[in-house]
Amino acid sequence: MPDVSEAEILAASAAGVVVNCGSSGVRRRVEAGLIRRFCRELRDQVDPRGLRLRSASVGGSLDLAGLDVPFPLVFSDCEFDSPVIVEGARMYGLALTGCPEVPGLLANGVRVRRDLELSGSRISGRLRTSASMSKRSAIWLCESRIGGRLLCADTVIDGGERSIQADRMRVTGNVRLLHQFTACGEVRMIGARIGGSLDLT
């Protein structure tokens, strides 16, 4: 199947509808560089409802570090072949839901105005960052600021020694690690401030 084109994404995102990239269990490829282009160069053409991709295979490194993304970025049932990088970015909202393969999330210092949602996704990886000289983790959220909630319902994280490292994270709303949430490795939130509840049901 052909890759998803810029014209397809532009038409859907301008109308505020989901870009459905899958058919009969086959995921069409979306280049990570194209997503970055929408977040940087074409962001004024994206509807406030955001850029929403379903059943895509995201190829290459999705690196949005340091960018200002003024609309929600939503990935549903998508696969990634490289870690998602949003370190130091300013985002309206970020959702990776029902994604069967996410090779890690580097989000130290990210600013998310609304929710950060990882529900139903499988996240694995042993990533290094400048936040630690010796440890690795699947998800890094040190010094992050989340204006809404951190949602991890039915999320599976395999980080080896550490699954989540979120030292000095600030969350205005609730942190929900629940239902069949599974962390193969330490969940570390030293010095975190949570404005709502911490739900480990």
C-alpha atoms as a PDB file:
ATOM      1  CA  MET A   1       0.000   0.000   0.000  1.00  0.00           C
ATOM      2  CA  PRO A   2       1.256   3.529  -0.711  1.00  0.00           C
ATOM      3  CA  ASP A   3       2.459   5.767   2.090  1.00  0.00           C
ATOM      4  CA  VAL A   4       0.009   8.293   3.494  1.00  0.00           C
ATOM      5  CA  SER A   5       0.560  11.528   1.595  1.00  0.00           C
ATOM      6  CA  GLU A   6       0.874  15.076   2.829  1.00  0.00           C
ATOM      7  CA  ALA A   7      -2.291  15.974   0.885  1.00  0.00           C
ATOM      8  CA  GLU A   8      -4.307  13.286   2.700  1.00  0.00           C
ATOM      9  CA  ILE A   9      -3.177  14.449   6.115  1.00  0.00           C
ATOM     10  CA  LEU A  10      -3.663  18.099   5.233  1.00  0.00           C
ATOM     11  CA  ALA A  11      -7.237  17.541   4.062  1.00  0.00           C
ATOM     12  CA  ALA A  12      -8.189  15.557   7.179  1.00  0.00           C
ATOM     13  CA  SER A  13      -6.396  17.763   9.695  1.00  0.00           C
ATOM     14  CA  ALA A  14      -7.829  20.938   8.148  1.00  0.00           C
ATOM     15  CA  ALA A  15     -11.312  19.447   8.567  1.00  0.00           C
ATOM     16  CA  GLY A  16     -10.563  18.205  12.090  1.00  0.00           C
ATOM     17  CA  VAL A  17     -11.237  14.546  11.252  1.00  0.00           C
ATOM     18  CA  VAL A  18      -9.205  11.399  11.923  1.00  0.00           C
ATOM     19  CA  VAL A  19      -6.733  10.201   9.293  1.00  0.00           C
ATOM     20  CA  ASN A  20      -7.544   6.477   9.062  1.00  0.00           C
ATOM     21  CA  CYS A  21      -4.357   4.834   7.792  1.00  0.00           C
ATOM     22  CA  GLY A  22      -5.321   1.175   8.186  1.00  0.00           C
ATOM     23  CA  SER A  23      -7.391  -1.305   6.257  1.00  0.00           C
ATOM     24  CA  SER A  24      -7.913  -5.046   6.798  1.00  0.00           C
ATOM     25  CA  GLY A  25      -5.256  -5.111   9.497  1.00  0.00           C
ATOM     26  CA  VAL A  26      -2.631  -3.430   7.290  1.00  0.00           C
ATOM     27  CA  ARG A  27      -1.097  -0.168   8.488  1.00  0.00           C
ATOM     28  CA  ARG A  28       0.012   2.392   5.921  1.00  0.00           C
ATOM     29  CA  ARG A  29       3.274   4.173   6.572  1.00  0.00           C
ATOM     30  CA  VAL A  30       3.462   7.790   7.667  1.00  0.00           C
ATOM     31  CA  GLU A  31       6.917   9.332   7.694  1.00  0.00           C
ATOM     32  CA  ALA A  32       7.828  10.900  11.045  1.00  0.00           C
ATOM     33  CA  GLY A  33       9.353  13.854   9.192  1.00  0.00           C
ATOM     34  CA  LEU A  34       5.957  14.604   7.667  1.00  0.00           C
ATOM     35  CA  ILE A  35       4.327  14.729  11.104  1.00  0.00           C
ATOM     36  CA  ARG A  36       7.074  17.104  12.252  1.00  0.00           C
ATOM     37  CA  ARG A  37       6.395  19.290   9.203  1.00  0.00           C
ATOM     38  CA  PHE A  38       2.739  19.610  10.233  1.00  0.00           C
ATOM     39  CA  CYS A  39       3.749  20.492  13.790  1.00  0.00           C
ATOM     40  CA  ARG A  40       6.268  23.093  12.677  1.00  0.00           C
ATOM     41  CA  GLU A  41       5.628  24.492   9.201  1.00  0.00           C
ATOM     42  CA  LEU A  42       1.963  23.682   8.541  1.00  0.00           C
ATOM     43  CA  ARG A  43       0.523  24.071  12.022  1.00  0.00           C
ATOM     44  CA  ASP A  44      -1.632  27.058  11.014  1.00  0.00           C
ATOM     45  CA  GLN A  45      -3.506  24.762   8.609  1.00  0.00           C
ATOM     46  CA  VAL A  46      -4.478  22.233  11.288  1.00  0.00           C
ATOM     47  CA  ASP A  47      -7.960  22.455  12.834  1.00  0.00           C
ATOM     48  CA  PRO A  48      -8.017  23.127  16.617  1.00  0.00           C
ATOM     49  CA  ARG A  49      -9.327  19.565  17.054  1.00  0.00           C
ATOM     50  CA  GLY A  50      -5.817  18.494  16.181  1.00  0.00           C
ATOM     51  CA  LEU A  51      -3.800  16.068  14.091  1.00  0.00           C
ATOM     52  CA  ARG A  52      -5.260  12.593  14.667  1.00  0.00           C
ATOM     53  CA  LEU A  53      -3.864   9.425  13.119  1.00  0.00           C
ATOM     54  CA  ARG A  54      -5.363   5.946  13.403  1.00  0.00           C
ATOM     55  CA  SER A  55      -3.719   2.603  12.516  1.00  0.00           C
ATOM     56  CA  ALA A  56      -0.576   4.188  11.068  1.00  0.00           C
ATOM     57  CA  SER A  57       2.936   2.808  10.922  1.00  0.00           C
ATOM     58  CA  VAL A  58       5.098   5.773  11.842  1.00  0.00           C
ATOM     59  CA  GLY A  59       8.459   5.405  10.116  1.00  0.00           C
ATOM     60  CA  GLY A  60      11.643   7.096  11.239  1.00  0.00           C
ATOM     61  CA  SER A  61      12.312   9.121  14.359  1.00  0.00           C
ATOM     62  CA  LEU A  62       9.379  11.268  15.509  1.00  0.00           C
ATOM     63  CA  ASP A  63      11.430  14.084  17.020  1.00  0.00           C
ATOM     64  CA  LEU A  64       9.367  17.068  18.172  1.00  0.00           C
ATOM     65  CA  ALA A  65      11.851  18.254  20.803  1.00  0.00           C
ATOM     66  CA  GLY A  66      11.576  21.953  21.519  1.00  0.00           C
ATOM     67  CA  LEU A  67       8.619  22.560  19.217  1.00  0.00           C
ATOM     68  CA  ASP A  68       5.479  24.530  20.069  1.00  0.00           C
ATOM     69  CA  VAL A  69       2.516  22.379  18.984  1.00  0.00           C
ATOM     70  CA  PRO A  70      -0.702  24.375  19.559  1.00  0.00           C
ATOM     71  CA  PHE A  71      -3.147  21.555  18.764  1.00  0.00           C
ATOM     72  CA  PRO A  72      -3.766  18.034  20.160  1.00  0.00           C
ATOM     73  CA  LEU A  73      -1.591  15.294  18.705  1.00  0.00           C
ATOM     74  CA  VAL A  74      -3.390  11.934  18.837  1.00  0.00           C
ATOM     75  CA  PHE A  75      -2.143   8.513  17.756  1.00  0.00           C
ATOM     76  CA  SER A  76      -4.629   5.623  18.020  1.00  0.00           C
ATOM     77  CA  ASP A  77      -3.601   2.026  17.278  1.00  0.00           C
ATOM     78  CA  CYS A  78      -0.338   3.225  15.715  1.00  0.00           C
ATOM     79  CA  GLU A  79       3.046   1.518  15.577  1.00  0.00           C
ATOM     80  CA  PHE A  80       6.380   3.312  15.882  1.00  0.00           C
ATOM     81  CA  ASP A  81       9.794   2.027  14.909  1.00  0.00           C
ATOM     82  CA  SER A  82      11.707   4.615  16.987  1.00  0.00           C
ATOM     83  CA  PRO A  83      11.153   6.346  20.346  1.00  0.00           C
ATOM     84  CA  VAL A  84       8.810   9.331  20.448  1.00  0.00           C
ATOM     85  CA  ILE A  85      10.841  12.420  21.403  1.00  0.00           C
ATOM     86  CA  VAL A  86       9.106  15.509  22.809  1.00  0.00           C
ATOM     87  CA  GLU A  87      11.744  16.791  25.234  1.00  0.00           C
ATOM     88  CA  GLY A  88      11.305  20.488  25.988  1.00  0.00           C
ATOM     89  CA  ALA A  89       8.306  20.760  23.678  1.00  0.00           C
ATOM     90  CA  ARG A  90       5.182  22.780  24.403  1.00  0.00           C
ATOM     91  CA  MET A  91       2.106  20.801  23.454  1.00  0.00           C
ATOM     92  CA  TYR A  92      -1.637  21.282  23.739  1.00  0.00           C
ATOM     93  CA  GLY A  93      -2.220  17.567  24.344  1.00  0.00           C
ATOM     94  CA  LEU A  94      -0.554  14.261  23.504  1.00  0.00           C
ATOM     95  CA  ALA A  95      -2.243  10.852  23.281  1.00  0.00           C
ATOM     96  CA  LEU A  96      -0.764   7.478  22.347  1.00  0.00           C
ATOM     97  CA  THR A  97      -3.721   5.153  22.869  1.00  0.00           C
ATOM     98  CA  GLY A  98      -4.024   1.495  21.962  1.00  0.00           C
ATOM     99  CA  CYS A  99      -0.622   1.565  20.270  1.00  0.00           C
ATOM    100  CA  PRO A 100       0.831  -1.973  20.114  1.00  0.00           C
ATOM    101  CA  GLU A 101       4.470  -0.891  19.779  1.00  0.00           C
ATOM    102  CA  VAL A 102       6.073   2.299  21.096  1.00  0.00           C
ATOM    103  CA  PRO A 103       9.860   1.965  21.603  1.00  0.00           C
ATOM    104  CA  GLY A 104       9.970   4.514  24.425  1.00  0.00           C
ATOM    105  CA  LEU A 105       8.962   8.090  25.197  1.00  0.00           C
ATOM    106  CA  LEU A 106      11.550  10.804  25.830  1.00  0.00           C
ATOM    107  CA  ALA A 107       9.640  13.697  27.387  1.00  0.00           C
ATOM    108  CA  ASN A 108      11.899  15.380  29.933  1.00  0.00           C
ATOM    109  CA  GLY A 109      10.881  19.017  30.365  1.00  0.00           C
ATOM    110  CA  VAL A 110       7.804  18.718  28.161  1.00  0.00           C
ATOM    111  CA  ARG A 111       4.937  21.153  28.793  1.00  0.00           C
ATOM    112  CA  VAL A 112       1.507  19.672  28.053  1.00  0.00           C
ATOM    113  CA  ARG A 113      -1.398  22.077  28.441  1.00  0.00           C
ATOM    114  CA  ARG A 114      -4.038  19.343  28.741  1.00  0.00           C
ATOM    115  CA  ASP A 115      -3.754  15.554  29.160  1.00  0.00           C
ATOM    116  CA  LEU A 116      -0.896  13.174  28.470  1.00  0.00           C
ATOM    117  CA  GLU A 117      -2.583   9.851  27.715  1.00  0.00           C
ATOM    118  CA  LEU A 118      -0.865   6.502  27.148  1.00  0.00           C
ATOM    119  CA  SER A 119      -3.843   4.224  27.806  1.00  0.00           C
ATOM    120  CA  GLY A 120      -3.939   0.801  26.188  1.00  0.00           C
ATOM    121  CA  SER A 121      -0.466   1.124  24.684  1.00  0.00           C
ATOM    122  CA  ARG A 122       2.572  -1.135  24.997  1.00  0.00           C
ATOM    123  CA  ILE A 123       5.728   0.885  25.592  1.00  0.00           C
ATOM    124  CA  SER A 124       9.150  -0.677  25.801  1.00  0.00           C
ATOM    125  CA  GLY A 125      12.714   0.498  25.721  1.00  0.00           C
ATOM    126  CA  ARG A 126      15.815   1.181  27.722  1.00  0.00           C
ATOM    127  CA  LEU A 127      16.511   4.795  26.851  1.00  0.00           C
ATOM    128  CA  ARG A 128      19.342   6.995  28.046  1.00  0.00           C
ATOM    129  CA  THR A 129      19.040  10.759  28.522  1.00  0.00           C
ATOM    130  CA  SER A 130      21.060  13.553  30.078  1.00  0.00           C
ATOM    131  CA  ALA A 131      18.741  13.344  33.115  1.00  0.00           C
ATOM    132  CA  SER A 132      20.681  10.307  34.324  1.00  0.00           C
ATOM    133  CA  MET A 133      24.243   9.248  33.653  1.00  0.00           C
ATOM    134  CA  SER A 134      23.713   5.634  34.704  1.00  0.00           C
ATOM    135  CA  LYS A 135      20.057   4.604  34.444  1.00  0.00           C
ATOM    136  CA  ARG A 136      17.773   3.761  31.551  1.00  0.00           C
ATOM    137  CA  SER A 137      13.986   3.902  31.365  1.00  0.00           C
ATOM    138  CA  ALA A 138      11.182   3.321  28.850  1.00  0.00           C
ATOM    139  CA  ILE A 139       9.500   6.642  29.712  1.00  0.00           C
ATOM    140  CA  TRP A 140      11.255   9.817  30.826  1.00  0.00           C
ATOM    141  CA  LEU A 141       9.150  12.640  32.285  1.00  0.00           C
ATOM    142  CA  CYS A 142      11.613  14.473  34.544  1.00  0.00           C
ATOM    143  CA  GLU A 143      10.781  18.161  35.098  1.00  0.00           C
ATOM    144  CA  SER A 144       7.672  17.773  32.948  1.00  0.00           C
ATOM    145  CA  ARG A 145       4.541  19.896  33.433  1.00  0.00           C
ATOM    146  CA  ILE A 146       1.131  18.396  32.664  1.00  0.00           C
ATOM    147  CA  GLY A 147      -1.793  20.790  32.924  1.00  0.00           C
ATOM    148  CA  GLY A 148      -4.447  18.059  32.831  1.00  0.00           C
ATOM    149  CA  ARG A 149      -4.072  14.381  33.728  1.00  0.00           C
ATOM    150  CA  LEU A 150      -1.521  11.624  33.216  1.00  0.00           C
ATOM    151  CA  LEU A 151      -3.613   8.642  32.071  1.00  0.00           C
ATOM    152  CA  CYS A 152      -2.246   5.090  31.860  1.00  0.00           C
ATOM    153  CA  ALA A 153      -5.220   2.712  31.913  1.00  0.00           C
ATOM    154  CA  ASP A 154      -4.381  -0.780  30.621  1.00  0.00           C
ATOM    155  CA  THR A 155      -0.893   0.430  29.703  1.00  0.00           C
ATOM    156  CA  VAL A 156       1.988  -2.065  29.638  1.00  0.00           C
ATOM    157  CA  ILE A 157       5.499  -0.664  30.111  1.00  0.00           C
ATOM    158  CA  ASP A 158       8.636  -2.774  29.885  1.00  0.00           C
ATOM    159  CA  GLY A 159      11.694  -0.754  30.727  1.00  0.00           C
ATOM    160  CA  GLY A 160      13.868  -3.345  32.345  1.00  0.00           C
ATOM    161  CA  GLU A 161      15.289  -1.615  35.417  1.00  0.00           C
ATOM    162  CA  ARG A 162      12.930   1.371  35.213  1.00  0.00           C
ATOM    163  CA  SER A 163       9.611   1.815  33.428  1.00  0.00           C
ATOM    164  CA  ILE A 164       8.872   5.462  34.264  1.00  0.00           C
ATOM    165  CA  GLN A 165      11.243   8.085  35.604  1.00  0.00           C
ATOM    166  CA  ALA A 166       9.370  11.279  36.384  1.00  0.00           C
ATOM    167  CA  ASP A 167      11.402  13.110  39.020  1.00  0.00           C
ATOM    168  CA  ARG A 168      10.035  16.588  39.831  1.00  0.00           C
ATOM    169  CA  MET A 169       7.082  16.124  37.489  1.00  0.00           C
ATOM    170  CA  ARG A 170       4.141  18.499  38.042  1.00  0.00           C
ATOM    171  CA  VAL A 171       0.605  17.311  37.244  1.00  0.00           C
ATOM    172  CA  THR A 172      -2.354  19.633  37.812  1.00  0.00           C
ATOM    173  CA  GLY A 173      -4.955  16.867  37.627  1.00  0.00           C
ATOM    174  CA  ASN A 174      -4.978  13.158  38.448  1.00  0.00           C
ATOM    175  CA  VAL A 175      -2.354  10.494  37.792  1.00  0.00           C
ATOM    176  CA  ARG A 176      -4.167   7.258  36.914  1.00  0.00           C
ATOM    177  CA  LEU A 177      -2.157   4.034  36.659  1.00  0.00           C
ATOM    178  CA  LEU A 178      -4.970   1.526  36.775  1.00  0.00           C
ATOM    179  CA  HIS A 179      -7.031  -1.387  35.425  1.00  0.00           C
ATOM    180  CA  GLN A 180      -4.446  -3.718  33.855  1.00  0.00           C
ATOM    181  CA  PHE A 181      -1.602  -1.215  34.117  1.00  0.00           C
ATOM    182  CA  THR A 182       1.646  -3.195  34.202  1.00  0.00           C
ATOM    183  CA  ALA A 183       5.137  -1.852  34.802  1.00  0.00           C
ATOM    184  CA  CYS A 184       8.054  -4.244  34.301  1.00  0.00           C
ATOM    185  CA  GLY A 185      10.543  -2.044  36.133  1.00  0.00           C
ATOM    186  CA  GLU A 186      10.530   0.737  38.698  1.00  0.00           C
ATOM    187  CA  VAL A 187       8.047   3.622  38.562  1.00  0.00           C
ATOM    188  CA  ARG A 188       9.973   6.544  40.015  1.00  0.00           C
ATOM    189  CA  MET A 189       8.391   9.934  40.786  1.00  0.00           C
ATOM    190  CA  ILE A 190      10.737  11.491  43.334  1.00  0.00           C
ATOM    191  CA  GLY A 191       9.754  15.085  44.122  1.00  0.00           C
ATOM    192  CA  ALA A 192       6.622  14.925  41.951  1.00  0.00           C
ATOM    193  CA  ARG A 193       3.670  17.208  42.708  1.00  0.00           C
ATOM    194  CA  ILE A 194       0.198  15.922  41.855  1.00  0.00           C
ATOM    195  CA  GLY A 195      -2.686  18.359  42.182  1.00  0.00           C
ATOM    196  CA  GLY A 196      -5.377  15.671  42.012  1.00  0.00           C
ATOM    197  CA  SER A 197      -5.348  12.033  43.104  1.00  0.00           C
ATOM    198  CA  LEU A 198      -2.830   9.248  42.522  1.00  0.00           C
ATOM    199  CA  ASP A 199      -4.970   6.273  41.465  1.00  0.00           C
ATOM    200  CA  LEU A 200      -3.343   2.825  41.517  1.00  0.00           C
ATOM    201  CA  THR A 201      -6.589   0.813  41.539  1.00  0.00           C
END
